[in-house]
Protein backbone atom coordinates (compact mmCIF):
# COMPACT_ATOMS: atom_id res chain seq x y z
CA MET A 1 0.03 -0.18 0.04
CA VAL A 2 1.53 3.41 -0.82
CA PRO A 3 1.84 6.23 1.69
CA GLY A 4 -1.29 7.96 2.66
CA GLY A 5 -3.78 8.43 5.37
CA ARG A 6 -4.21 5.16 7.72
CA LEU A 7 -8.02 4.68 7.02
CA PHE A 8 -6.70 4.01 3.19
CA GLY A 9 -4.06 1.53 4.61
CA GLY A 10 -0.99 3.64 4.25
CA ARG A 11 1.80 2.51 6.75
CA ASP A 12 5.08 4.49 5.94
CA VAL A 13 3.56 7.31 7.49
CA ARG A 14 3.77 5.63 10.77
CA TYR A 15 7.12 4.15 10.23
CA GLY A 16 8.57 6.82 8.21
CA GLY A 17 11.34 6.73 5.31
CA ALA A 18 9.28 6.57 2.31
CA MET A 19 11.76 8.75 0.30
CA GLN A 20 14.68 7.04 1.91
CA ARG A 21 13.43 3.69 1.00
CA ALA A 22 12.98 5.02 -2.72
CA ALA A 23 16.71 6.06 -2.47
CA ASP A 24 18.00 2.77 -1.03
CA THR A 25 19.65 0.09 -3.00
CA ARG A 26 18.10 -3.51 -2.57
CA PRO A 27 20.66 -4.58 -0.34
CA GLU A 28 20.61 -1.84 2.07
CA TRP A 29 16.68 -1.92 1.97
CA LEU A 30 16.94 -5.95 2.66
CA ALA A 31 19.29 -5.36 5.37
CA ARG A 32 17.08 -2.87 6.88
CA GLU A 33 13.79 -4.97 6.76
CA LEU A 34 15.78 -7.88 8.32
CA ALA A 35 17.09 -5.66 10.96
CA ALA A 36 13.61 -4.29 11.29
CA LEU A 37 12.34 -8.00 12.44
CA VAL A 38 14.14 -7.94 15.65
CA THR A 39 14.43 -4.13 16.34
CA PRO A 40 12.21 -2.92 19.36
CA GLY A 41 10.31 0.05 18.20
CA PRO A 42 6.44 0.74 16.96
CA ARG A 43 6.94 -1.06 13.95
CA LEU A 44 7.69 -4.47 15.64
CA LEU A 45 4.99 -3.85 18.10
CA ASP A 46 2.40 -3.37 15.61
CA GLU A 47 3.09 -6.57 14.25
CA VAL A 48 3.15 -8.12 17.59
CA GLU A 49 -0.31 -6.43 18.18
CA CYS A 50 -1.59 -7.98 14.97
CA ILE A 51 -0.71 -11.50 16.18
CA VAL A 52 -2.28 -11.14 19.45
CA SER A 53 -5.43 -9.33 18.00
CA VAL A 54 -5.87 -12.38 15.50
CA LEU A 55 -5.45 -14.95 17.96
CA LEU A 56 -7.98 -13.15 20.21
CA ALA A 57 -10.30 -13.00 17.54
CA ILE A 58 -10.10 -16.51 16.97
CA LEU A 59 -10.81 -17.41 20.40
CA ILE A 60 -13.84 -14.99 20.76
CA ALA A 61 -15.08 -16.30 17.33
CA HIS A 62 -14.95 -19.85 18.65
CA GLY A 63 -16.86 -18.97 21.90
CA ILE A 64 -19.65 -17.21 20.15
CA GLY A 65 -19.98 -20.01 17.58
CA ALA A 66 -19.14 -18.42 14.43
CA THR A 67 -19.15 -20.74 11.57
CA ASN A 68 -16.33 -18.60 9.56
CA VAL A 69 -13.60 -18.31 11.89
CA SER A 70 -10.82 -17.16 9.50
CA TRP A 71 -12.96 -14.13 8.64
CA ALA A 72 -13.13 -13.05 12.05
CA ALA A 73 -9.44 -13.29 12.44
CA PHE A 74 -8.79 -11.40 9.29
CA SER A 75 -11.08 -8.57 10.73
CA GLY A 76 -8.71 -8.85 13.77
CA TYR A 77 -6.04 -8.29 11.57
CA MET A 78 -7.34 -5.80 9.14
CA VAL A 79 -9.03 -3.14 11.78
CA MET A 80 -5.77 -3.01 13.73
CA ARG A 81 -3.87 0.34 13.58
CA SER A 82 -1.33 1.75 15.76
CA HIS A 83 -3.54 4.47 17.43
CA LEU A 84 -6.86 3.55 19.17
CA SER A 85 -9.07 6.16 17.51
CA GLU A 86 -8.12 4.94 14.17
CA SER A 87 -8.74 1.17 14.93
CA MET A 88 -11.98 2.08 16.47
CA LEU A 89 -13.01 4.39 13.61
CA ARG A 90 -12.10 1.47 11.07
CA GLY A 91 -13.80 -1.11 13.12
CA VAL A 92 -16.87 0.55 13.60
CA LEU A 93 -16.94 1.28 9.56
CA ARG A 94 -16.45 -2.23 8.87
CA ILE A 95 -19.22 -3.38 11.26
CA ILE A 96 -21.67 -0.86 9.83
CA GLY A 97 -20.46 -1.53 6.20
CA THR A 98 -20.91 -5.13 6.84
CA ALA A 99 -24.84 -4.79 8.29
CA LEU A 100 -25.88 -2.45 6.01
CA GLY A 101 -24.47 -4.47 3.30
CA ALA A 102 -26.23 -7.59 4.55
CA ALA A 103 -29.65 -5.84 5.05
CA MET A 104 -29.66 -4.88 1.50
CA ALA A 105 -28.78 -8.46 0.32
CA LEU A 106 -31.76 -9.86 2.45
CA THR A 107 -33.99 -7.60 0.62
CA LEU A 108 -32.75 -8.06 -2.80
CA VAL A 109 -31.17 -11.47 -3.32
CA PRO A 110 -34.24 -13.43 -2.80
CA ALA A 111 -36.13 -11.41 -5.51
CA VAL A 112 -33.24 -11.81 -8.10
CA ALA A 113 -31.14 -14.70 -7.53
CA GLY A 114 -33.16 -17.03 -9.77
CA SER A 115 -32.49 -14.80 -12.57
CA THR A 116 -28.88 -14.45 -14.17
CA PRO A 117 -29.88 -11.07 -15.91
CA LEU A 118 -31.43 -9.54 -12.69
CA VAL A 119 -28.18 -10.73 -10.97
CA SER A 120 -25.92 -9.11 -13.66
CA LEU A 121 -27.88 -6.07 -13.10
CA VAL A 122 -28.01 -5.82 -9.45
CA GLY A 123 -24.78 -6.65 -8.72
CA ALA A 124 -23.18 -4.17 -11.31
CA LEU A 125 -25.31 -1.43 -10.02
CA ILE A 126 -24.56 -2.25 -6.36
CA GLY A 127 -20.93 -2.90 -7.00
CA ALA A 128 -20.32 0.61 -8.89
CA ALA A 129 -22.01 2.68 -6.83
CA THR A 130 -20.18 1.32 -3.37
CA LEU A 131 -16.92 1.13 -5.10
CA TYR A 132 -17.37 4.88 -6.65
CA GLY A 133 -18.17 5.72 -2.59
CA ALA A 134 -15.23 4.00 -1.39
CA LEU A 135 -13.03 5.99 -3.94
CA THR A 136 -14.42 9.36 -3.25
CA GLY A 137 -16.41 9.48 0.14
CA ARG A 138 -15.20 10.06 3.74
CA ASN A 139 -16.50 6.77 5.27
CA ALA A 140 -14.56 5.05 2.45
CA TYR A 141 -14.10 1.89 4.61
CA GLY A 142 -17.79 1.65 5.10
CA TRP A 143 -18.81 2.15 1.61
CA LEU A 144 -16.40 -0.81 0.79
CA PHE A 145 -17.82 -3.03 3.05
CA ILE A 146 -21.41 -2.42 2.04
CA GLY A 147 -20.49 -3.35 -1.36
CA LEU A 148 -18.15 -6.43 -0.63
CA THR A 149 -20.81 -7.83 1.82
CA PHE A 150 -23.65 -7.39 -0.78
CA GLU A 151 -21.76 -9.15 -3.74
CA MET A 152 -20.57 -12.13 -1.41
CA ILE A 153 -23.98 -12.58 -0.20
CA LEU A 154 -25.67 -12.55 -3.98
CA TYR A 155 -22.88 -14.27 -5.73
CA GLY A 156 -22.83 -16.96 -2.76
CA ALA A 157 -26.72 -17.28 -3.21
CA VAL A 158 -26.06 -17.89 -7.12
CA GLU A 159 -23.23 -20.31 -6.84
CA HIS A 160 -25.22 -22.35 -3.21
CA PRO A 161 -28.93 -21.77 -4.34
CA GLY A 162 -30.06 -23.89 -1.23
CA HIS A 163 -28.08 -22.29 1.33
CA ALA A 164 -30.25 -19.96 3.89
CA LEU A 165 -29.39 -16.24 3.59
CA LEU A 166 -30.32 -15.09 6.96
CA PRO A 167 -27.71 -17.43 8.99
CA PHE A 168 -25.04 -16.42 6.57
CA ALA A 169 -25.52 -12.96 7.11
CA ALA A 170 -25.67 -13.30 10.84
CA THR A 171 -22.58 -14.92 11.10
CA ARG A 172 -20.74 -12.59 8.74
CA ILE A 173 -21.93 -9.30 11.18
CA ALA A 174 -20.87 -11.65 14.35
CA GLU A 175 -17.58 -12.44 12.76
CA VAL A 176 -16.53 -8.86 11.97
CA VAL A 177 -17.94 -7.87 15.66
CA ALA A 178 -15.73 -10.60 17.14
CA GLY A 179 -12.50 -9.38 14.91
CA THR A 180 -13.12 -5.91 15.88
CA ALA A 181 -13.60 -6.46 19.47
CA ALA A 182 -10.31 -8.35 19.77
CA CYS A 183 -8.55 -5.69 17.96
CA LEU A 184 -9.97 -2.84 20.12
CA ILE A 185 -9.04 -5.08 23.60
CA VAL A 186 -5.69 -5.40 22.23
CA ASN A 187 -5.33 -1.76 21.03
CA VAL A 188 -6.21 -0.49 24.47
CA VAL A 189 -4.10 -2.42 26.55
CA SER A 190 -1.30 -1.65 24.34
CA GLN A 191 -2.20 2.29 24.63
CA PHE A 192 -1.84 2.15 28.18
CA THR A 193 1.32 -0.07 28.18
CA ALA A 194 3.85 -0.79 25.27
CA ARG A 195 2.55 2.34 23.27
CA ARG A 196 3.30 4.41 25.96
CA ARG A 197 7.06 3.76 25.26
CA TRP A 198 6.80 3.46 21.55
CA PRO A 199 4.00 5.97 20.60
CA VAL A 200 2.72 6.69 17.15
CA GLY A 201 0.73 9.89 15.87
CA THR A 202 -2.47 9.41 14.02
CA SER A 203 -2.24 9.81 10.27
CA PRO A 204 -3.26 12.69 8.15
CA ALA A 205 -6.86 12.61 6.88
CA PRO A 206 -6.90 11.96 3.03
CA ARG A 207 -7.48 14.69 0.72
CA LEU A 208 -10.96 14.10 -0.78
CA PRO A 209 -12.12 15.40 -4.33
CA GLY A 210 -14.98 17.83 -4.63
CA GLY A 211 -17.98 17.36 -6.45
CA TRP A 212 -18.10 14.77 -9.26
CA HIS A 213 -15.07 12.94 -10.23
CA PRO A 214 -15.07 11.30 -13.65
CA HIS A 215 -12.02 9.11 -13.27
CA ALA A 216 -13.67 7.39 -9.83
CA ALA A 217 -16.59 7.08 -12.02
CA ARG A 218 -14.73 5.26 -14.73
CA HIS A 219 -13.32 2.84 -12.38
CA ALA A 220 -16.76 2.09 -10.84
CA ALA A 221 -18.08 1.61 -14.68
CA GLN A 222 -15.36 -0.79 -15.47
CA ALA A 223 -15.92 -2.55 -12.20
CA ALA A 224 -20.01 -3.04 -12.96
CA LEU A 225 -18.78 -4.42 -16.17
CA ALA A 226 -16.71 -6.89 -14.96
CA LEU A 227 -19.44 -7.81 -12.15
CA ALA A 228 -22.22 -8.01 -14.75
CA LEU A 229 -20.10 -10.83 -16.71
CA ILE A 230 -19.42 -13.05 -13.88
CA PRO A 231 -23.12 -14.52 -13.33
CA TRP A 232 -22.93 -15.15 -17.08
CA LEU A 233 -19.71 -17.31 -16.86
CA TRP A 234 -21.36 -19.11 -13.99
CA HIS A 235 -24.82 -19.89 -16.17
CA ALA A 236 -22.53 -21.04 -19.10
CA TRP A 237 -20.06 -23.06 -17.08
CA HIS A 238 -20.50 -23.00 -13.26
CA ILE A 239 -17.38 -21.61 -12.65
CA PRO A 240 -16.36 -21.81 -8.73
CA GLU A 241 -15.99 -19.00 -6.12
CA LEU A 242 -17.94 -16.49 -7.88
CA ALA A 243 -17.95 -14.23 -4.40
CA GLN A 244 -14.14 -14.46 -4.32
CA SER A 245 -14.15 -13.35 -8.00
CA THR A 246 -16.42 -10.13 -7.17
CA VAL A 247 -13.98 -9.51 -4.26
CA THR A 248 -10.84 -9.28 -6.51
CA VAL A 249 -12.80 -7.18 -9.05
CA MET A 250 -13.47 -4.50 -6.60
CA ALA A 251 -10.47 -4.71 -4.39
CA VAL A 252 -7.94 -4.24 -7.32
CA LEU A 253 -9.95 -1.32 -8.83
CA LEU A 254 -9.80 0.47 -5.59
CA VAL A 255 -6.55 2.43 -6.36
CA PRO A 256 -5.06 6.02 -5.16
CA MET A 257 -7.13 8.69 -6.97
CA SER A 258 -3.91 10.49 -7.97
CA SER A 259 -2.81 7.40 -10.00
CA MET A 260 -6.09 7.01 -11.88
CA GLY A 261 -6.17 8.21 -15.66
CA THR A 262 -3.20 7.02 -17.73
CA HIS A 263 -1.87 5.23 -14.88
CA GLY A 264 -4.69 3.43 -13.59
CA PHE A 265 -4.54 0.51 -15.75
CA ALA A 266 -0.66 -0.30 -14.76
CA LEU A 267 -1.40 0.04 -11.14
CA VAL A 268 -4.57 -2.35 -11.25
CA GLY A 269 -2.38 -4.88 -13.46
CA ARG A 270 0.15 -4.75 -10.67
CA ARG A 271 -2.15 -4.97 -7.77
CA LEU A 272 -3.61 -8.09 -9.67
CA VAL A 273 0.18 -9.49 -9.65
CA TYR A 274 0.71 -8.69 -6.07
CA ARG A 275 -2.65 -10.24 -5.03
CA ILE A 276 -1.76 -13.46 -7.03
CA ALA A 277 1.76 -13.37 -5.55
CA GLY A 278 0.70 -12.85 -2.02
CA CYS A 279 -2.04 -15.45 -2.18
CA LEU A 280 0.50 -18.03 -3.48
CA SER A 281 3.26 -17.38 -1.26
CA GLY A 282 0.96 -17.55 1.87
CA ALA A 283 -0.57 -20.80 0.63
CA VAL A 284 2.79 -22.47 0.40
CA LEU A 285 3.82 -21.24 4.01
CA ALA A 286 0.33 -22.69 5.17
CA ALA A 287 0.76 -25.99 3.17
CA VAL A 288 3.84 -26.45 5.11
CA PHE A 289 2.37 -26.14 8.64
CA LEU A 290 -0.64 -28.03 7.60
CA ILE A 291 1.59 -30.97 6.62
CA ALA A 292 3.55 -30.78 9.94
CA GLY A 293 0.20 -30.28 12.19
CA ARG A 294 -1.55 -33.20 10.91
CA GLY A 295 -4.70 -32.05 12.19
CA HIS A 296 -3.12 -30.81 15.55
CA ALA A 297 -4.07 -27.33 16.76
CA VAL A 298 -0.61 -26.16 18.22
CA PRO A 299 1.16 -26.17 14.85
CA LEU A 300 -1.36 -24.55 13.51
CA ILE A 301 -1.48 -21.97 15.75
CA VAL A 302 2.32 -21.43 15.56
CA GLY A 303 2.07 -21.12 11.74
CA THR A 304 -0.74 -18.64 12.01
CA ALA A 305 1.25 -16.32 14.45
CA LEU A 306 4.38 -16.74 11.92
CA GLY A 307 2.32 -15.76 8.83
CA VAL A 308 0.75 -12.78 10.64
CA PHE A 309 3.96 -11.67 11.67
CA ILE A 310 5.60 -11.96 8.09
CA GLY A 311 2.42 -10.50 6.23
CA ARG A 312 2.54 -7.49 8.55
CA HIS A 313 6.09 -7.22 8.16
CA ILE A 314 5.97 -7.08 4.42
CA GLU A 315 2.85 -4.63 4.69
CA ASN A 316 4.83 -2.22 6.61
CA GLY A 317 7.55 -2.03 4.22
CA ARG A 318 7.83 -0.03 1.07
CA GLY A 319 5.64 1.04 -1.90
CA ASP A 320 2.52 -0.59 -3.34
CA ARG A 321 4.51 -4.20 -2.71
CA ALA A 322 3.16 -3.85 0.58
CA TYR A 323 -0.14 -5.34 -0.71
CA ILE A 324 1.48 -8.48 -1.02
CA GLY A 325 1.56 -8.61 2.71
CA THR A 326 -2.12 -8.55 3.12
CA GLN A 327 -2.80 -11.15 0.45
CA PHE A 328 -0.14 -13.32 2.50
CA THR A 329 -1.73 -13.15 5.59
CA LEU A 330 -5.35 -13.79 4.07
CA ALA A 331 -3.90 -16.90 2.40
CA ILE A 332 -2.66 -17.93 5.86
CA LEU A 333 -5.63 -17.32 7.88
CA VAL A 334 -8.12 -18.82 5.66
CA THR A 335 -5.89 -22.06 5.62
CA LEU A 336 -4.67 -22.08 8.93
CA VAL A 337 -7.96 -20.80 10.75
CA PRO A 338 -10.29 -23.42 10.24
CA ASP A 339 -13.90 -23.80 11.99
CA SER A 340 -12.28 -27.07 13.61
CA TYR A 341 -8.39 -27.62 13.61
CA ALA A 342 -9.32 -31.30 13.07
CA ILE A 343 -10.60 -30.55 9.55
CA ALA A 344 -7.80 -28.06 8.09
CA GLU A 345 -6.79 -28.36 4.64
CA ILE A 346 -5.34 -26.57 1.72
CA GLY A 347 -8.60 -26.36 0.19
CA PRO A 348 -9.59 -22.77 1.22
CA ALA A 349 -6.48 -21.40 0.06
CA ARG A 350 -6.51 -23.05 -3.52
CA GLU A 351 -10.35 -22.25 -4.05
CA ARG A 352 -9.64 -18.59 -3.31
CA LEU A 353 -6.58 -18.52 -5.87
CA ILE A 354 -9.04 -19.83 -8.28
CA GLY A 355 -11.50 -16.87 -7.33
CA ILE A 356 -8.94 -14.59 -7.99
CA LEU A 357 -7.61 -16.03 -11.01
CA ILE A 358 -11.32 -16.04 -12.73
CA GLY A 359 -11.59 -12.12 -11.67
CA MET A 360 -8.78 -11.39 -12.98
CA ALA A 361 -9.47 -12.98 -16.09
CA VAL A 362 -12.73 -11.23 -16.26
CA LEU A 363 -11.20 -7.85 -15.47
CA VAL A 364 -8.15 -7.49 -17.48
CA PRO A 365 -10.04 -7.82 -20.98
CA VAL A 366 -12.55 -5.58 -19.68
CA MET A 367 -10.05 -2.95 -18.68
CA GLY A 368 -8.10 -3.47 -21.97
CA LEU A 369 -11.09 -2.93 -24.19
CA TRP A 370 -11.92 -0.09 -22.30
CA ARG A 371 -8.44 1.54 -22.83
CA VAL A 372 -8.85 0.96 -26.45
CA ILE A 373 -12.11 2.46 -26.85
CA TRP A 374 -11.12 5.56 -24.75
CA PRO A 375 -7.58 6.05 -24.91
CA GLY A 376 -5.39 8.86 -23.92
CA GLU A 377 -7.32 9.89 -20.62
CA ALA A 378 -5.24 12.23 -18.63
CA ALA A 379 -4.52 11.40 -14.96
CA PRO A 380 -6.21 13.58 -12.35
CA GLY A 381 -4.41 15.73 -9.97
CA ALA A 382 -3.24 14.90 -6.42
CA GLY A 383 -5.96 13.30 -4.68
CA GLN A 384 -6.29 10.48 -1.94
CA SER A 385 -2.97 8.76 -1.55
CA GLY A 386 -3.47 5.48 -0.32
CA SER A 387 -5.91 2.52 -0.95
CA LEU A 388 -7.85 0.49 1.46
CA ASP A 389 -8.39 -3.09 1.26
CA ALA A 390 -10.76 -5.59 2.73
């Protein structure tokens, strides 16, 4: 993630040195990153906080009977920020966005799920509207989760028509609340203990564009077209992991406002590559611990903690390659945090990769065709300088 407001995922602001990193040679950068792994300070503390938050989220999720514990763990990871006020804002927006997206889905999905044209239309409209809100709105993280939650429930209903919607929506909200609660508990304790020694200030608020923003609208329109195509692929070939494909489309199009226009295509392409790279590398490490664990909880918990530490360290590193760290961590959590440790398997990571590849296979031609039809769009002026992620 690129430097910027923390709501939008930037971490270089907290740990400093974006320009210094750009000036470093590769050996210097590698040496500094390795040293940072064991150097006490704000960055290492953030990574330890994430480990504790994830493990506590898993415990809370099991305690409340959640049916998708890994989502609670990922919420505990993604909500965590070094300052309590920012973690709280992020958590509240994640909960509200999830609840609103679920409510919209419970209202609309039963009426449209049986019709491919209606699924295509509704998925495209809701996805475009919420992505535009996430790109330009002050409560961007909330807008993102309205869209993601709605799309996941909608396309989940298409792929699994016999599944009840209400239990899925309810457990998704419960999992987000569990992860957010874990994060805030860890954050409060840390603010009164370790953060007194290694404090971190709040990030500057992102600069928001005023009025209508045509470049954000173009990204939202590209998302709408890609989302509209996905149910037709299901209708024709019954491709798997529709929900993950929709998440990929929306997440990789969520780029900094300052990078849109002529630079947007290249940045989205890099995010797709980084998403695959992070998922693959995380799945490889997770597979090692699955084989070693053989159904025992302790090795899987150790692997989870190590994976979170590595992923957050990458995420706290330089440039947009930090996005690899987020995807690395997600692959670790969906694989090593099963609903029951006795049935842990590599399947979730493999299925997630399939969904990413399908989303990529839909989005890249859409963006390429768009670029051919409307070439030479100028990049806008400086705007938001970071990008948020799920």
